[in-house]
Amino acid sequence: MPRLPRLSGAETVRALERLGFAVVRQRGSHIIMRRGVSGCVVPNHRAIKLGTLAGVLRQAGVSTEEFIAAQ
């Protein structure tokens, strides 16, 4: 399994948009994204910690390889 890159919230949102997710709404620094019935919450921070990014991908149902390819 490849290692997750260090990304900002905006870079993570762009990668997820390439995978078909759309921004539904934002409340404070949390961006809610949805693709069909699956969704995820992305913190809009300068740098997202690797554990948090892994949790976002798990929530979205996206594999690490798929996410890195979309980056």
PDB file of N, CA and C in Angstrom:
ATOM      1  N   MET A   1       0.843  -1.173   0.000  1.00  0.00           N
ATOM      2  CA  MET A   1       0.000   0.000   0.000  1.00  0.00           C
ATOM      3  C   MET A   1       0.892   1.241   0.000  1.00  0.00           C
ATOM      4  N   PRO A   2       0.681   2.142  -0.953  1.00  0.00           N
ATOM      5  CA  PRO A   2       1.515   3.347  -1.008  1.00  0.00           C
ATOM      6  C   PRO A   2       1.199   4.300   0.140  1.00  0.00           C
ATOM      7  N   ARG A   3       2.184   5.107   0.456  1.00  0.00           N
ATOM      8  CA  ARG A   3       2.029   6.082   1.538  1.00  0.00           C
ATOM      9  C   ARG A   3       1.197   7.267   1.073  1.00  0.00           C
ATOM     10  N   LEU A   4       0.439   7.820   1.985  1.00  0.00           N
ATOM     11  CA  LEU A   4      -0.363   8.997   1.678  1.00  0.00           C
ATOM     12  C   LEU A   4       0.525  10.234   1.628  1.00  0.00           C
ATOM     13  N   PRO A   5       0.267  11.132   0.692  1.00  0.00           N
ATOM     14  CA  PRO A   5       1.051  12.374   0.630  1.00  0.00           C
ATOM     15  C   PRO A   5       0.548  13.394   1.645  1.00  0.00           C
ATOM     16  N   ARG A   6       1.390  14.366   1.964  1.00  0.00           N
ATOM     17  CA  ARG A   6       0.993  15.481   2.821  1.00  0.00           C
ATOM     18  C   ARG A   6       0.303  16.513   1.936  1.00  0.00           C
ATOM     19  N   LEU A   7      -0.972  16.749   2.175  1.00  0.00           N
ATOM     20  CA  LEU A   7      -1.743  17.674   1.354  1.00  0.00           C
ATOM     21  C   LEU A   7      -2.475  18.679   2.227  1.00  0.00           C
ATOM     22  N   SER A   8      -2.856  19.784   1.603  1.00  0.00           N
ATOM     23  CA  SER A   8      -3.707  20.757   2.284  1.00  0.00           C
ATOM     24  C   SER A   8      -5.168  20.361   2.054  1.00  0.00           C
ATOM     25  N   GLY A   9      -6.064  21.042   2.727  1.00  0.00           N
ATOM     26  CA  GLY A   9      -7.481  20.774   2.542  1.00  0.00           C
ATOM     27  C   GLY A   9      -7.934  21.066   1.127  1.00  0.00           C
ATOM     28  N   ALA A  10      -7.442  22.159   0.551  1.00  0.00           N
ATOM     29  CA  ALA A  10      -7.834  22.533  -0.808  1.00  0.00           C
ATOM     30  C   ALA A  10      -7.346  21.503  -1.831  1.00  0.00           C
ATOM     31  N   GLU A  11      -6.129  20.991  -1.647  1.00  0.00           N
ATOM     32  CA  GLU A  11      -5.600  19.978  -2.561  1.00  0.00           C
ATOM     33  C   GLU A  11      -6.392  18.678  -2.449  1.00  0.00           C
ATOM     34  N   THR A  12      -6.816  18.342  -1.247  1.00  0.00           N
ATOM     35  CA  THR A  12      -7.622  17.143  -1.038  1.00  0.00           C
ATOM     36  C   THR A  12      -8.984  17.282  -1.711  1.00  0.00           C
ATOM     37  N   VAL A  13      -9.589  18.464  -1.596  1.00  0.00           N
ATOM     38  CA  VAL A  13     -10.886  18.718  -2.234  1.00  0.00           C
ATOM     39  C   VAL A  13     -10.755  18.589  -3.748  1.00  0.00           C
ATOM     40  N   ARG A  14      -9.687  19.144  -4.328  1.00  0.00           N
ATOM     41  CA  ARG A  14      -9.483  19.057  -5.783  1.00  0.00           C
ATOM     42  C   ARG A  14      -9.339  17.605  -6.235  1.00  0.00           C
ATOM     43  N   ALA A  15      -8.580  16.808  -5.483  1.00  0.00           N
ATOM     44  CA  ALA A  15      -8.390  15.403  -5.838  1.00  0.00           C
ATOM     45  C   ALA A  15      -9.712  14.643  -5.757  1.00  0.00           C
ATOM     46  N   LEU A  16     -10.503  14.912  -4.724  1.00  0.00           N
ATOM     47  CA  LEU A  16     -11.795  14.241  -4.597  1.00  0.00           C
ATOM     48  C   LEU A  16     -12.767  14.683  -5.683  1.00  0.00           C
ATOM     49  N   GLU A  17     -12.686  15.944  -6.111  1.00  0.00           N
ATOM     50  CA  GLU A  17     -13.538  16.410  -7.211  1.00  0.00           C
ATOM     51  C   GLU A  17     -13.193  15.677  -8.507  1.00  0.00           C
ATOM     52  N   ARG A  18     -11.915  15.363  -8.713  1.00  0.00           N
ATOM     53  CA  ARG A  18     -11.515  14.589  -9.894  1.00  0.00           C
ATOM     54  C   ARG A  18     -12.081  13.173  -9.846  1.00  0.00           C
ATOM     55  N   LEU A  19     -12.380  12.691  -8.645  1.00  0.00           N
ATOM     56  CA  LEU A  19     -12.949  11.351  -8.474  1.00  0.00           C
ATOM     57  C   LEU A  19     -14.475  11.357  -8.518  1.00  0.00           C
ATOM     58  N   GLY A  20     -15.064  12.508  -8.781  1.00  0.00           N
ATOM     59  CA  GLY A  20     -16.513  12.575  -8.931  1.00  0.00           C
ATOM     60  C   GLY A  20     -17.263  13.144  -7.748  1.00  0.00           C
ATOM     61  N   PHE A  21     -16.567  13.554  -6.702  1.00  0.00           N
ATOM     62  CA  PHE A  21     -17.220  14.168  -5.547  1.00  0.00           C
ATOM     63  C   PHE A  21     -17.522  15.630  -5.857  1.00  0.00           C
ATOM     64  N   ALA A  22     -18.556  16.155  -5.218  1.00  0.00           N
ATOM     65  CA  ALA A  22     -18.918  17.563  -5.380  1.00  0.00           C
ATOM     66  C   ALA A  22     -19.070  18.187  -3.997  1.00  0.00           C
ATOM     67  N   VAL A  23     -18.697  19.453  -3.897  1.00  0.00           N
ATOM     68  CA  VAL A  23     -18.853  20.178  -2.640  1.00  0.00           C
ATOM     69  C   VAL A  23     -20.336  20.473  -2.460  1.00  0.00           C
ATOM     70  N   VAL A  24     -20.890  20.023  -1.346  1.00  0.00           N
ATOM     71  CA  VAL A  24     -22.304  20.232  -1.053  1.00  0.00           C
ATOM     72  C   VAL A  24     -22.482  21.516  -0.257  1.00  0.00           C
ATOM     73  N   ARG A  25     -21.656  21.655   0.789  1.00  0.00           N
ATOM     74  CA  ARG A  25     -21.738  22.853   1.623  1.00  0.00           C
ATOM     75  C   ARG A  25     -20.479  22.951   2.461  1.00  0.00           C
ATOM     76  N   GLN A  26     -20.359  24.075   3.162  1.00  0.00           N
ATOM     77  CA  GLN A  26     -19.217  24.284   4.046  1.00  0.00           C
ATOM     78  C   GLN A  26     -19.700  24.978   5.300  1.00  0.00           C
ATOM     79  N   ARG A  27     -19.205  24.515   6.422  1.00  0.00           N
ATOM     80  CA  ARG A  27     -19.521  25.173   7.691  1.00  0.00           C
ATOM     81  C   ARG A  27     -18.209  25.386   8.421  1.00  0.00           C
ATOM     82  N   GLY A  28     -17.803  26.616   8.531  1.00  0.00           N
ATOM     83  CA  GLY A  28     -16.515  26.924   9.139  1.00  0.00           C
ATOM     84  C   GLY A  28     -15.397  26.384   8.271  1.00  0.00           C
ATOM     85  N   SER A  29     -14.529  25.574   8.871  1.00  0.00           N
ATOM     86  CA  SER A  29     -13.400  25.041   8.113  1.00  0.00           C
ATOM     87  C   SER A  29     -13.644  23.604   7.667  1.00  0.00           C
ATOM     88  N   HIS A  30     -14.897  23.140   7.680  1.00  0.00           N
ATOM     89  CA  HIS A  30     -15.207  21.778   7.265  1.00  0.00           C
ATOM     90  C   HIS A  30     -16.027  21.796   5.981  1.00  0.00           C
ATOM     91  N   ILE A  31     -15.501  21.132   4.950  1.00  0.00           N
ATOM     92  CA  ILE A  31     -16.142  21.072   3.648  1.00  0.00           C
ATOM     93  C   ILE A  31     -16.819  19.712   3.520  1.00  0.00           C
ATOM     94  N   ILE A  32     -18.113  19.703   3.246  1.00  0.00           N
ATOM     95  CA  ILE A  32     -18.866  18.465   3.096  1.00  0.00           C
ATOM     96  C   ILE A  32     -18.968  18.156   1.613  1.00  0.00           C
ATOM     97  N   MET A  33     -18.518  16.954   1.243  1.00  0.00           N
ATOM     98  CA  MET A  33     -18.517  16.537  -0.155  1.00  0.00           C
ATOM     99  C   MET A  33     -19.360  15.281  -0.299  1.00  0.00           C
ATOM    100  N   ARG A  34     -19.944  15.085  -1.485  1.00  0.00           N
ATOM    101  CA  ARG A  34     -20.801  13.939  -1.711  1.00  0.00           C
ATOM    102  C   ARG A  34     -20.639  13.423  -3.141  1.00  0.00           C
ATOM    103  N   ARG A  35     -20.715  12.081  -3.252  1.00  0.00           N
ATOM    104  CA  ARG A  35     -20.746  11.403  -4.561  1.00  0.00           C
ATOM    105  C   ARG A  35     -21.782  10.309  -4.428  1.00  0.00           C
ATOM    106  N   GLY A  36     -22.939  10.505  -5.055  1.00  0.00           N
ATOM    107  CA  GLY A  36     -24.023   9.542  -4.902  1.00  0.00           C
ATOM    108  C   GLY A  36     -24.507   9.532  -3.470  1.00  0.00           C
ATOM    109  N   VAL A  37     -24.486   8.357  -2.840  1.00  0.00           N
ATOM    110  CA  VAL A  37     -24.931   8.262  -1.449  1.00  0.00           C
ATOM    111  C   VAL A  37     -23.776   8.344  -0.470  1.00  0.00           C
ATOM    112  N   SER A  38     -22.532   8.226  -0.955  1.00  0.00           N
ATOM    113  CA  SER A  38     -21.383   8.310  -0.049  1.00  0.00           C
ATOM    114  C   SER A  38     -20.904   9.750   0.049  1.00  0.00           C
ATOM    115  N   GLY A  39     -20.435  10.101   1.214  1.00  0.00           N
ATOM    116  CA  GLY A  39     -19.959  11.459   1.425  1.00  0.00           C
ATOM    117  C   GLY A  39     -18.807  11.482   2.410  1.00  0.00           C
ATOM    118  N   CYS A  40     -18.193  12.643   2.558  1.00  0.00           N
ATOM    119  CA  CYS A  40     -17.086  12.789   3.492  1.00  0.00           C
ATOM    120  C   CYS A  40     -16.971  14.255   3.905  1.00  0.00           C
ATOM    121  N   VAL A  41     -16.273  14.458   4.999  1.00  0.00           N
ATOM    122  CA  VAL A  41     -16.039  15.802   5.532  1.00  0.00           C
ATOM    123  C   VAL A  41     -14.543  16.053   5.478  1.00  0.00           C
ATOM    124  N   VAL A  42     -14.139  17.114   4.769  1.00  0.00           N
ATOM    125  CA  VAL A  42     -12.723  17.448   4.608  1.00  0.00           C
ATOM    126  C   VAL A  42     -12.427  18.716   5.396  1.00  0.00           C
ATOM    127  N   PRO A  43     -11.476  18.663   6.327  1.00  0.00           N
ATOM    128  CA  PRO A  43     -11.100  19.893   7.038  1.00  0.00           C
ATOM    129  C   PRO A  43     -10.275  20.784   6.110  1.00  0.00           C
ATOM    130  N   ASN A  44     -10.628  22.050   6.043  1.00  0.00           N
ATOM    131  CA  ASN A  44      -9.931  22.981   5.158  1.00  0.00           C
ATOM    132  C   ASN A  44      -8.776  23.621   5.927  1.00  0.00           C
ATOM    133  N   HIS A  45      -7.731  22.819   6.165  1.00  0.00           N
ATOM    134  CA  HIS A  45      -6.559  23.278   6.899  1.00  0.00           C
ATOM    135  C   HIS A  45      -5.366  23.371   5.961  1.00  0.00           C
ATOM    136  N   ARG A  46      -4.319  24.053   6.413  1.00  0.00           N
ATOM    137  CA  ARG A  46      -3.111  24.174   5.596  1.00  0.00           C
ATOM    138  C   ARG A  46      -2.481  22.833   5.312  1.00  0.00           C
ATOM    139  N   ALA A  47      -2.415  21.996   6.339  1.00  0.00           N
ATOM    140  CA  ALA A  47      -1.867  20.645   6.187  1.00  0.00           C
ATOM    141  C   ALA A  47      -2.768  19.687   6.957  1.00  0.00           C
ATOM    142  N   ILE A  48      -3.234  18.647   6.273  1.00  0.00           N
ATOM    143  CA  ILE A  48      -4.066  17.635   6.915  1.00  0.00           C
ATOM    144  C   ILE A  48      -3.146  16.526   7.410  1.00  0.00           C
ATOM    145  N   LYS A  49      -3.307  16.123   8.661  1.00  0.00           N
ATOM    146  CA  LYS A  49      -2.504  15.037   9.206  1.00  0.00           C
ATOM    147  C   LYS A  49      -2.834  13.745   8.468  1.00  0.00           C
ATOM    148  N   LEU A  50      -1.861  12.844   8.401  1.00  0.00           N
ATOM    149  CA  LEU A  50      -2.025  11.615   7.633  1.00  0.00           C
ATOM    150  C   LEU A  50      -3.153  10.741   8.170  1.00  0.00           C
ATOM    151  N   GLY A  51      -3.313  10.665   9.473  1.00  0.00           N
ATOM    152  CA  GLY A  51      -4.408   9.882  10.040  1.00  0.00           C
ATOM    153  C   GLY A  51      -5.764  10.457   9.697  1.00  0.00           C
ATOM    154  N   THR A  52      -5.850  11.780   9.667  1.00  0.00           N
ATOM    155  CA  THR A  52      -7.096  12.451   9.301  1.00  0.00           C
ATOM    156  C   THR A  52      -7.408  12.216   7.836  1.00  0.00           C
ATOM    157  N   LEU A  53      -6.398  12.299   6.967  1.00  0.00           N
ATOM    158  CA  LEU A  53      -6.598  12.050   5.542  1.00  0.00           C
ATOM    159  C   LEU A  53      -7.032  10.608   5.306  1.00  0.00           C
ATOM    160  N   ALA A  54      -6.441   9.672   6.032  1.00  0.00           N
ATOM    161  CA  ALA A  54      -6.841   8.265   5.902  1.00  0.00           C
ATOM    162  C   ALA A  54      -8.297   8.086   6.318  1.00  0.00           C
ATOM    163  N   GLY A  55      -8.720   8.802   7.359  1.00  0.00           N
ATOM    164  CA  GLY A  55     -10.111   8.744   7.799  1.00  0.00           C
ATOM    165  C   GLY A  55     -11.063   9.332   6.779  1.00  0.00           C
ATOM    166  N   VAL A  56     -10.658  10.413   6.133  1.00  0.00           N
ATOM    167  CA  VAL A  56     -11.479  11.037   5.085  1.00  0.00           C
ATOM    168  C   VAL A  56     -11.662  10.061   3.927  1.00  0.00           C
ATOM    169  N   LEU A  57     -10.582   9.396   3.528  1.00  0.00           N
ATOM    170  CA  LEU A  57     -10.663   8.444   2.411  1.00  0.00           C
ATOM    171  C   LEU A  57     -11.527   7.246   2.796  1.00  0.00           C
ATOM    172  N   ARG A  58     -11.421   6.779   4.035  1.00  0.00           N
ATOM    173  CA  ARG A  58     -12.245   5.662   4.500  1.00  0.00           C
ATOM    174  C   ARG A  58     -13.715   6.070   4.484  1.00  0.00           C
ATOM    175  N   GLN A  59     -13.992   7.291   4.940  1.00  0.00           N
ATOM    176  CA  GLN A  59     -15.359   7.815   4.953  1.00  0.00           C
ATOM    177  C   GLN A  59     -15.915   7.902   3.534  1.00  0.00           C
ATOM    178  N   ALA A  60     -15.059   8.299   2.587  1.00  0.00           N
ATOM    179  CA  ALA A  60     -15.481   8.473   1.200  1.00  0.00           C
ATOM    180  C   ALA A  60     -15.555   7.150   0.440  1.00  0.00           C
ATOM    181  N   GLY A  61     -14.928   6.116   0.966  1.00  0.00           N
ATOM    182  CA  GLY A  61     -14.917   4.837   0.262  1.00  0.00           C
ATOM    183  C   GLY A  61     -13.947   4.833  -0.907  1.00  0.00           C
ATOM    184  N   VAL A  62     -12.841   5.552  -0.775  1.00  0.00           N
ATOM    185  CA  VAL A  62     -11.837   5.682  -1.831  1.00  0.00           C
ATOM    186  C   VAL A  62     -10.553   5.006  -1.354  1.00  0.00           C
ATOM    187  N   SER A  63      -9.944   4.204  -2.219  1.00  0.00           N
ATOM    188  CA  SER A  63      -8.693   3.553  -1.846  1.00  0.00           C
ATOM    189  C   SER A  63      -7.534   4.540  -1.963  1.00  0.00           C
ATOM    190  N   THR A  64      -6.448   4.219  -1.285  1.00  0.00           N
ATOM    191  CA  THR A  64      -5.260   5.075  -1.315  1.00  0.00           C
ATOM    192  C   THR A  64      -4.714   5.185  -2.728  1.00  0.00           C
ATOM    193  N   GLU A  65      -4.650   4.061  -3.438  1.00  0.00           N
ATOM    194  CA  GLU A  65      -4.126   4.060  -4.807  1.00  0.00           C
ATOM    195  C   GLU A  65      -4.978   4.917  -5.729  1.00  0.00           C
ATOM    196  N   GLU A  66      -6.295   4.811  -5.592  1.00  0.00           N
ATOM    197  CA  GLU A  66      -7.215   5.593  -6.410  1.00  0.00           C
ATOM    198  C   GLU A  66      -7.040   7.087  -6.123  1.00  0.00           C
ATOM    199  N   PHE A  67      -6.876   7.440  -4.856  1.00  0.00           N
ATOM    200  CA  PHE A  67      -6.708   8.836  -4.465  1.00  0.00           C
ATOM    201  C   PHE A  67      -5.401   9.408  -5.003  1.00  0.00           C
ATOM    202  N   ILE A  68      -4.311   8.647  -4.889  1.00  0.00           N
ATOM    203  CA  ILE A  68      -3.010   9.122  -5.367  1.00  0.00           C
ATOM    204  C   ILE A  68      -3.022   9.293  -6.881  1.00  0.00           C
ATOM    205  N   ALA A  69      -3.704   8.408  -7.594  1.00  0.00           N
ATOM    206  CA  ALA A  69      -3.800   8.517  -9.053  1.00  0.00           C
ATOM    207  C   ALA A  69      -4.584   9.766  -9.466  1.00  0.00           C
ATOM    208  N   ALA A  70      -5.557  10.183  -8.655  1.00  0.00           N
ATOM    209  CA  ALA A  70      -6.375  11.351  -8.978  1.00  0.00           C
ATOM    210  C   ALA A  70      -5.725  12.652  -8.590  1.00  0.00           C
ATOM    211  N   GLN A  71      -4.647  12.586  -7.843  1.00  0.00           N
ATOM    212  CA  GLN A  71      -4.013  13.785  -7.311  1.00  0.00           C
ATOM    213  C   GLN A  71      -3.424  14.609  -8.377  1.00  0.00           C
TER     214      GLN A  71
END
